[in-house]
């Protein structure tokens, strides 16, 4: 709460980088994962006014990230 869109994007990007840099041990095999993240922020002028609306908007941006090659943040 109470952060601007740029800060939210930077936090999501840091999360994406940490996930990509830490291998998971899967039965003796290191597995690297990636993620696509959609970030959507709400202002007083936003059309989204329910948690469901906000989740739908962020979900839409996540699918945009997947469509642009995956493993990126879209905000």
Protein backbone atom coordinates (compact mmCIF):
# COMPACT_ATOMS: atom_id res chain seq x y z
CA UNK A 1 0.00 0.00 0.00
CA UNK A 2 0.91 3.63 -0.54
CA UNK A 3 3.68 3.11 -3.11
CA UNK A 4 3.84 4.57 -6.58
CA UNK A 5 3.90 2.62 -9.84
CA UNK A 6 7.67 3.00 -10.33
CA UNK A 7 8.41 1.61 -6.88
CA UNK A 8 6.01 -1.29 -7.39
CA UNK A 9 7.71 -2.08 -10.71
CA UNK A 10 11.18 -2.00 -9.11
CA UNK A 11 10.06 -4.34 -6.32
CA UNK A 12 8.60 -6.80 -8.84
CA UNK A 13 11.79 -6.64 -10.92
CA UNK A 14 13.93 -7.39 -7.85
CA UNK A 15 11.69 -10.37 -7.06
CA UNK A 16 11.99 -11.63 -10.63
CA UNK A 17 15.80 -11.37 -10.53
CA UNK A 18 16.08 -13.17 -7.19
CA UNK A 19 13.87 -16.02 -8.38
CA UNK A 20 15.92 -16.39 -11.56
CA UNK A 21 19.25 -16.41 -9.70
CA UNK A 22 18.45 -19.05 -7.05
CA UNK A 23 18.40 -22.65 -8.29
CA UNK A 24 15.98 -25.12 -6.76
CA UNK A 25 17.37 -28.54 -5.86
CA UNK A 26 15.13 -31.09 -7.51
CA UNK A 27 16.51 -34.50 -6.63
CA UNK A 28 20.13 -33.46 -7.11
CA UNK A 29 19.47 -31.38 -10.21
CA UNK A 30 19.54 -27.60 -10.05
CA UNK A 31 16.47 -26.13 -11.70
CA UNK A 32 16.24 -22.42 -12.46
CA UNK A 33 12.84 -20.80 -12.62
CA UNK A 34 11.57 -17.61 -14.17
CA UNK A 35 8.40 -15.62 -13.74
CA UNK A 36 6.25 -13.14 -15.59
CA UNK A 37 4.82 -10.41 -13.39
CA UNK A 38 2.04 -7.94 -14.05
CA UNK A 39 1.97 -4.84 -11.85
CA UNK A 40 -1.06 -2.61 -11.67
CA UNK A 41 -1.48 0.31 -9.30
CA UNK A 42 -4.61 2.16 -8.37
CA UNK A 43 -5.01 5.90 -8.01
CA UNK A 44 -8.03 7.97 -7.05
CA UNK A 45 -8.82 8.35 -10.76
CA UNK A 46 -8.56 4.62 -11.51
CA UNK A 47 -11.51 2.72 -12.87
CA UNK A 48 -10.61 -0.31 -10.76
CA UNK A 49 -12.31 0.07 -7.40
CA UNK A 50 -12.52 -3.47 -6.04
CA UNK A 51 -9.83 -6.01 -5.21
CA UNK A 52 -11.22 -8.21 -7.97
CA UNK A 53 -10.84 -5.40 -10.53
CA UNK A 54 -7.26 -4.83 -9.42
CA UNK A 55 -6.41 -8.53 -9.70
CA UNK A 56 -7.94 -8.71 -13.18
CA UNK A 57 -5.89 -5.70 -14.32
CA UNK A 58 -2.65 -7.16 -12.90
CA UNK A 59 -3.49 -10.57 -14.41
CA UNK A 60 -3.99 -8.95 -17.83
CA UNK A 61 -0.54 -7.34 -17.57
CA UNK A 62 1.00 -10.65 -16.52
CA UNK A 63 -0.35 -12.27 -19.69
CA UNK A 64 1.06 -9.33 -21.67
CA UNK A 65 4.46 -10.14 -20.11
CA UNK A 66 4.11 -13.79 -21.13
CA UNK A 67 3.19 -12.70 -24.65
CA UNK A 68 6.30 -10.51 -24.88
CA UNK A 69 8.69 -13.38 -24.24
CA UNK A 70 8.18 -14.21 -20.57
CA UNK A 71 10.45 -13.59 -17.61
CA UNK A 72 9.73 -9.84 -17.55
CA UNK A 73 7.72 -7.34 -15.53
CA UNK A 74 4.96 -5.31 -17.18
CA UNK A 75 3.39 -2.37 -15.40
